[in-house]
Amino acid sequence: MNDTGTSQPIRSDGHTPYSRYVQTEVLHTLQDFVSDSPAEPAFLANVQISEIYWALITRELITAQAELRRDQIAATNRILRRIVSHMEAFNANWRSLSWLTPAELMPILKGLSAKHGKDTALQGWTFREMTFLLGVKDRPSLEHFEPQPQRHRQLTERLNSPSIYDDILAALARDGKPVPQACLKPAYAEAYKPSKEVEAIWAEIYRNDDPADHWRALAELLADIAVEFTNWKYLHLMATRRTFGSRPAYHGVDAIQWLLPTMEEIPFPEVWTARGLVA
């Protein structure tokens, strides 16, 4: 009998229920070090944690899209609140690497290159799928996934599918808001072009002082998500400045110069510009 009073079959596989569920025996074999740097265990653990969080946020965004398509805005907002919490926890991981120096990082990167080939963080497909879902679309980035045909197909499909912002605009239109037709049937793979008409819709939503208004709550949650997404990119940029400097990376481009323009990729643009219209 277990502590709930129910019987369970006895299994002789050498694992506890916790170990089977968490897959601890597999999990703790997944750190394959490539250097003698004492910083590598922390570096690799943080990279792997990043992958898990990106996949988690992606799953949550897809779930939120399903609720939006059913016009369940309150349920959507509960999911968006979870995403904000995930992103806050995820961003806190950077503190675990705040001590990393160039002398500690470079042996890891050299070992990685020697064992696995020249690395580029641009090949993180989980991060790319998350950004596509957030509405930050970038067709040229697909070239980095050609060595992974399955992931290339997956990302191509995601690129050509609605982002969560596309689904939000469609839900606004079904709720009677005057969303332009061009925003309801866009070329999903193209970078989103802000609309003055959509900006005016968000401004009107912000003028509503009703704390129970689901759309206003949703707008603020979108702002929270955009802030946390941008915070992650900023922390990445500063970690790169601190540990990598101006060395060439990303196919020969200075890493810092490559990252700086991405700071302007802020999702849900009209949620931000509408604030300037509210008296």
Protein backbone atom coordinates (compact mmCIF):
# COMPACT_ATOMS: atom_id res chain seq x y z
CA MET A 1 0.00 0.00 0.00
CA ASN A 2 1.23 3.53 -0.66
CA ASP A 3 0.56 6.54 1.57
CA THR A 4 -2.81 7.18 -0.10
CA GLY A 5 -4.08 3.73 0.82
CA THR A 6 -4.07 2.35 -2.73
CA SER A 7 -2.09 -0.60 -3.94
CA GLN A 8 0.59 -0.28 -6.56
CA PRO A 9 2.35 -2.99 -8.56
CA ILE A 10 5.86 -3.72 -7.39
CA ARG A 11 8.39 -2.97 -10.11
CA SER A 12 11.90 -4.34 -10.02
CA ASP A 13 13.47 -2.06 -12.62
CA GLY A 14 15.79 -0.41 -10.11
CA HIS A 15 13.96 2.92 -10.13
CA THR A 16 11.70 4.74 -7.74
CA PRO A 17 8.47 6.29 -9.10
CA TYR A 18 10.17 9.71 -8.85
CA SER A 19 13.18 8.52 -10.83
CA ARG A 20 11.01 6.97 -13.52
CA TYR A 21 8.85 10.06 -13.85
CA VAL A 22 11.70 12.59 -13.92
CA GLN A 23 13.95 10.25 -15.95
CA THR A 24 16.83 11.01 -13.61
CA GLU A 25 19.04 8.17 -14.86
CA VAL A 26 18.86 9.61 -18.38
CA LEU A 27 18.86 13.25 -17.30
CA HIS A 28 22.16 13.01 -15.48
CA THR A 29 23.93 11.49 -18.47
CA LEU A 30 23.13 14.42 -20.74
CA GLN A 31 26.07 16.65 -19.80
CA ASP A 32 28.84 15.64 -22.18
CA PHE A 33 31.69 18.00 -21.36
CA VAL A 34 34.17 19.14 -24.00
CA SER A 35 36.75 20.96 -21.87
CA ASP A 36 38.49 21.05 -18.50
CA SER A 37 37.07 24.48 -17.70
CA PRO A 38 35.59 24.45 -14.18
CA ALA A 39 32.86 26.72 -15.56
CA GLU A 40 31.55 24.21 -18.07
CA PRO A 41 29.15 22.30 -15.79
CA ALA A 42 27.32 25.53 -14.95
CA PHE A 43 27.48 26.77 -18.55
CA LEU A 44 26.03 23.57 -20.02
CA ALA A 45 23.39 23.21 -17.31
CA ASN A 46 22.17 26.73 -18.06
CA VAL A 47 22.08 26.10 -21.81
CA GLN A 48 20.07 22.93 -21.27
CA ILE A 49 17.70 24.70 -18.87
CA SER A 50 17.22 27.34 -21.57
CA GLU A 51 16.14 24.68 -24.04
CA ILE A 52 13.60 23.27 -21.57
CA TYR A 53 12.13 26.70 -20.86
CA TRP A 54 11.89 27.63 -24.54
CA ALA A 55 10.02 24.40 -25.22
CA LEU A 56 7.74 25.04 -22.22
CA ILE A 57 6.91 28.59 -23.35
CA THR A 58 6.26 27.33 -26.88
CA ARG A 59 3.83 24.73 -25.55
CA GLU A 60 2.04 27.39 -23.50
CA LEU A 61 1.77 29.74 -26.50
CA ILE A 62 0.20 26.98 -28.60
CA THR A 63 -2.28 26.28 -25.79
CA ALA A 64 -3.11 29.99 -25.60
CA GLN A 65 -3.75 30.04 -29.35
CA ALA A 66 -6.27 27.20 -28.95
CA GLU A 67 -8.15 29.20 -26.30
CA LEU A 68 -8.11 32.34 -28.44
CA ARG A 69 -9.63 30.45 -31.36
CA ARG A 70 -12.48 29.49 -29.02
CA ASP A 71 -12.79 33.15 -27.90
CA GLN A 72 -11.92 32.17 -24.34
CA ILE A 73 -10.09 35.38 -23.41
CA ALA A 74 -10.12 34.83 -19.64
CA ALA A 75 -8.62 31.37 -20.12
CA THR A 76 -6.05 32.84 -22.51
CA ASN A 77 -5.04 35.37 -19.88
CA ARG A 78 -4.42 32.63 -17.31
CA ILE A 79 -2.00 31.01 -19.74
CA LEU A 80 -0.29 34.32 -20.54
CA ARG A 81 0.24 34.89 -16.79
CA ARG A 82 1.97 31.52 -16.62
CA ILE A 83 4.19 32.49 -19.54
CA VAL A 84 5.24 35.68 -17.76
CA SER A 85 6.18 33.62 -14.69
CA HIS A 86 8.14 31.15 -16.83
CA MET A 87 10.03 34.00 -18.48
CA GLU A 88 10.85 35.65 -15.16
CA ALA A 89 12.26 32.40 -13.80
CA PHE A 90 14.11 31.76 -17.04
CA ASN A 91 15.73 35.20 -17.02
CA ALA A 92 16.86 34.67 -13.42
CA ASN A 93 19.09 31.85 -14.69
CA TRP A 94 21.51 34.43 -16.09
CA ARG A 95 22.58 35.19 -12.51
CA SER A 96 23.98 31.68 -12.32
CA LEU A 97 26.51 32.66 -15.01
CA SER A 98 27.17 36.27 -14.00
CA TRP A 99 30.65 35.34 -12.78
CA LEU A 100 31.77 33.79 -16.09
CA THR A 101 34.97 35.28 -17.57
CA PRO A 102 36.50 35.04 -21.06
CA ALA A 103 39.26 32.79 -19.69
CA GLU A 104 36.59 30.37 -18.44
CA LEU A 105 34.38 30.52 -21.53
CA MET A 106 36.90 30.23 -24.35
CA PRO A 107 38.14 26.70 -23.50
CA ILE A 108 34.50 25.55 -23.63
CA LEU A 109 33.93 27.08 -27.07
CA LYS A 110 37.21 25.68 -28.38
CA GLY A 111 36.39 22.22 -27.07
CA LEU A 112 32.91 22.42 -28.54
CA SER A 113 34.28 23.35 -31.95
CA ALA A 114 36.87 20.57 -31.84
CA LYS A 115 34.37 17.87 -30.86
CA HIS A 116 31.15 18.93 -32.59
CA GLY A 117 32.10 21.53 -35.20
CA LYS A 118 31.81 25.30 -35.31
CA ASP A 119 28.97 26.35 -33.06
CA THR A 120 26.32 28.98 -33.54
CA ALA A 121 23.56 29.64 -31.06
CA LEU A 122 21.43 30.53 -34.09
CA GLN A 123 20.83 26.79 -34.47
CA GLY A 124 18.63 26.64 -31.37
CA TRP A 125 15.37 25.52 -32.96
CA THR A 126 13.35 25.73 -29.74
CA PHE A 127 14.19 29.44 -29.36
CA ARG A 128 13.39 30.09 -33.01
CA GLU A 129 9.99 28.39 -32.78
CA MET A 130 9.16 30.44 -29.68
CA THR A 131 10.08 33.70 -31.42
CA PHE A 132 7.98 32.79 -34.48
CA LEU A 133 5.01 32.17 -32.18
CA LEU A 134 5.58 35.56 -30.55
CA GLY A 135 5.34 37.12 -34.01
CA VAL A 136 9.02 37.83 -34.61
CA LYS A 137 9.28 36.24 -38.06
CA ASP A 138 12.61 35.90 -39.85
CA ARG A 139 12.76 33.70 -42.95
CA PRO A 140 16.58 33.90 -43.44
CA SER A 141 17.12 32.25 -40.04
CA LEU A 142 15.82 28.97 -41.49
CA GLU A 143 19.10 28.39 -43.34
CA HIS A 144 20.79 27.51 -40.04
CA PHE A 145 18.54 24.45 -39.72
CA GLU A 146 19.26 22.83 -43.07
CA PRO A 147 21.44 20.18 -41.32
CA GLN A 148 18.27 19.19 -39.38
CA PRO A 149 15.64 18.46 -42.08
CA GLN A 150 12.93 17.56 -39.54
CA ARG A 151 13.42 20.82 -37.62
CA HIS A 152 13.70 22.79 -40.84
CA ARG A 153 10.27 21.49 -41.90
CA GLN A 154 8.85 22.17 -38.44
CA LEU A 155 10.11 25.75 -38.39
CA THR A 156 9.03 26.40 -41.98
CA GLU A 157 5.50 25.34 -41.03
CA ARG A 158 5.59 27.54 -37.93
CA LEU A 159 6.91 30.49 -39.96
CA ASN A 160 3.97 30.16 -42.33
CA SER A 161 1.40 29.81 -39.54
CA PRO A 162 -0.32 32.43 -37.37
CA SER A 163 1.57 33.84 -34.41
CA ILE A 164 -0.26 34.37 -31.14
CA TYR A 165 -0.62 38.03 -32.11
CA ASP A 166 -2.33 37.02 -35.36
CA ASP A 167 -4.80 34.98 -33.30
CA ILE A 168 -5.34 37.89 -30.92
CA LEU A 169 -6.18 40.23 -33.81
CA ALA A 170 -8.59 37.64 -35.21
CA ALA A 171 -10.28 37.32 -31.81
CA LEU A 172 -10.54 41.12 -31.54
CA ALA A 173 -12.27 41.19 -34.93
CA ARG A 174 -14.75 38.50 -33.87
CA ASP A 175 -15.48 40.64 -30.81
CA GLY A 176 -16.53 43.48 -33.08
CA LYS A 177 -13.32 45.51 -33.06
CA PRO A 178 -12.51 47.18 -36.44
CA VAL A 179 -9.39 45.17 -37.27
CA PRO A 180 -8.32 45.84 -40.89
CA GLN A 181 -8.85 42.94 -43.26
CA ALA A 182 -5.17 43.06 -44.24
CA CYS A 183 -4.29 42.14 -40.64
CA LEU A 184 -6.65 39.17 -40.64
CA LYS A 185 -5.25 37.43 -43.71
CA PRO A 186 -1.59 38.42 -43.72
CA ALA A 187 1.40 36.69 -45.27
CA TYR A 188 2.27 34.95 -42.04
CA ALA A 189 5.91 34.37 -42.97
CA GLU A 190 6.59 38.07 -43.42
CA ALA A 191 7.65 40.43 -40.67
CA TYR A 192 4.59 42.04 -39.08
CA LYS A 193 3.84 45.59 -40.20
CA PRO A 194 2.20 47.74 -37.49
CA SER A 195 -1.20 49.23 -38.28
CA LYS A 196 -2.58 52.60 -37.18
CA GLU A 197 -6.04 51.05 -37.07
CA VAL A 198 -4.86 48.30 -34.70
CA GLU A 199 -3.04 50.91 -32.63
CA ALA A 200 -6.33 52.80 -32.26
CA ILE A 201 -8.07 49.61 -31.09
CA TRP A 202 -5.55 49.08 -28.32
CA ALA A 203 -5.75 52.77 -27.36
CA GLU A 204 -9.53 52.44 -26.96
CA ILE A 205 -9.04 49.28 -24.89
CA TYR A 206 -6.64 51.20 -22.63
CA ARG A 207 -9.18 53.99 -22.17
CA ASN A 208 -11.51 51.47 -20.57
CA ASP A 209 -11.04 51.72 -16.80
CA ASP A 210 -13.00 48.54 -16.03
CA PRO A 211 -10.56 46.28 -14.12
CA ALA A 212 -12.63 43.28 -15.18
CA ASP A 213 -12.08 43.94 -18.89
CA HIS A 214 -10.35 40.86 -20.29
CA TRP A 215 -8.91 42.71 -23.28
CA ARG A 216 -7.18 45.32 -21.14
CA ALA A 217 -5.76 42.57 -18.93
CA LEU A 218 -4.57 40.76 -22.05
CA ALA A 219 -2.86 43.90 -23.34
CA GLU A 220 -0.91 44.27 -20.10
CA LEU A 221 0.09 40.61 -20.17
CA LEU A 222 1.37 41.04 -23.73
CA ALA A 223 3.43 43.98 -22.48
CA ASP A 224 4.81 41.83 -19.65
CA ILE A 225 5.77 39.09 -22.10
CA ALA A 226 7.44 41.57 -24.46
CA VAL A 227 9.41 43.05 -21.54
CA GLU A 228 10.63 39.65 -20.36
CA PHE A 229 11.50 38.61 -23.92
CA THR A 230 13.52 41.81 -24.35
CA ASN A 231 15.10 41.40 -20.91
CA TRP A 232 16.39 37.99 -21.97
CA LYS A 233 17.92 39.43 -25.13
CA TYR A 234 19.51 42.26 -23.17
CA LEU A 235 20.99 39.85 -20.60
CA HIS A 236 22.28 37.72 -23.47
CA LEU A 237 23.85 40.79 -25.06
CA MET A 238 25.55 41.84 -21.83
CA ALA A 239 26.79 38.32 -21.12
CA THR A 240 28.27 38.29 -24.62
CA ARG A 241 29.96 41.65 -24.02
CA ARG A 242 31.38 40.36 -20.76
CA THR A 243 32.64 36.96 -21.87
CA PHE A 244 33.11 37.10 -25.64
CA GLY A 245 33.85 40.72 -26.43
CA SER A 246 34.12 41.79 -30.05
CA ARG A 247 35.37 38.47 -31.41
CA PRO A 248 33.81 37.39 -34.71
CA ALA A 249 30.90 35.00 -34.29
CA TYR A 250 27.66 34.17 -36.09
CA HIS A 251 29.38 33.29 -39.36
CA GLY A 252 32.14 35.87 -39.03
CA VAL A 253 30.06 38.82 -37.82
CA ASP A 254 31.01 40.56 -34.58
CA ALA A 255 28.73 38.96 -31.98
CA ILE A 256 27.79 42.24 -30.32
CA GLN A 257 27.06 43.96 -33.63
CA TRP A 258 24.87 41.04 -34.64
CA LEU A 259 22.91 41.05 -31.37
CA LEU A 260 22.35 44.81 -31.07
CA PRO A 261 19.69 45.09 -33.84
CA THR A 262 17.69 42.24 -32.29
CA MET A 263 16.96 44.52 -29.34
CA GLU A 264 14.50 46.33 -31.62
CA GLU A 265 12.50 43.13 -32.22
CA ILE A 266 9.75 43.87 -29.70
CA PRO A 267 6.58 41.78 -30.08
CA PHE A 268 3.05 43.21 -30.20
CA PRO A 269 4.13 46.69 -31.40
CA GLU A 270 0.77 48.47 -31.27
CA VAL A 271 0.31 47.50 -27.62
CA TRP A 272 3.25 49.86 -27.01
CA THR A 273 2.58 52.68 -29.45
CA ALA A 274 -1.08 52.92 -28.39
CA ARG A 275 0.03 54.20 -25.00
CA GLY A 276 1.01 57.48 -26.62
CA LEU A 277 -2.59 58.00 -27.76
CA VAL A 278 -4.24 57.59 -24.37
CA ALA A 279 -5.01 60.91 -22.70
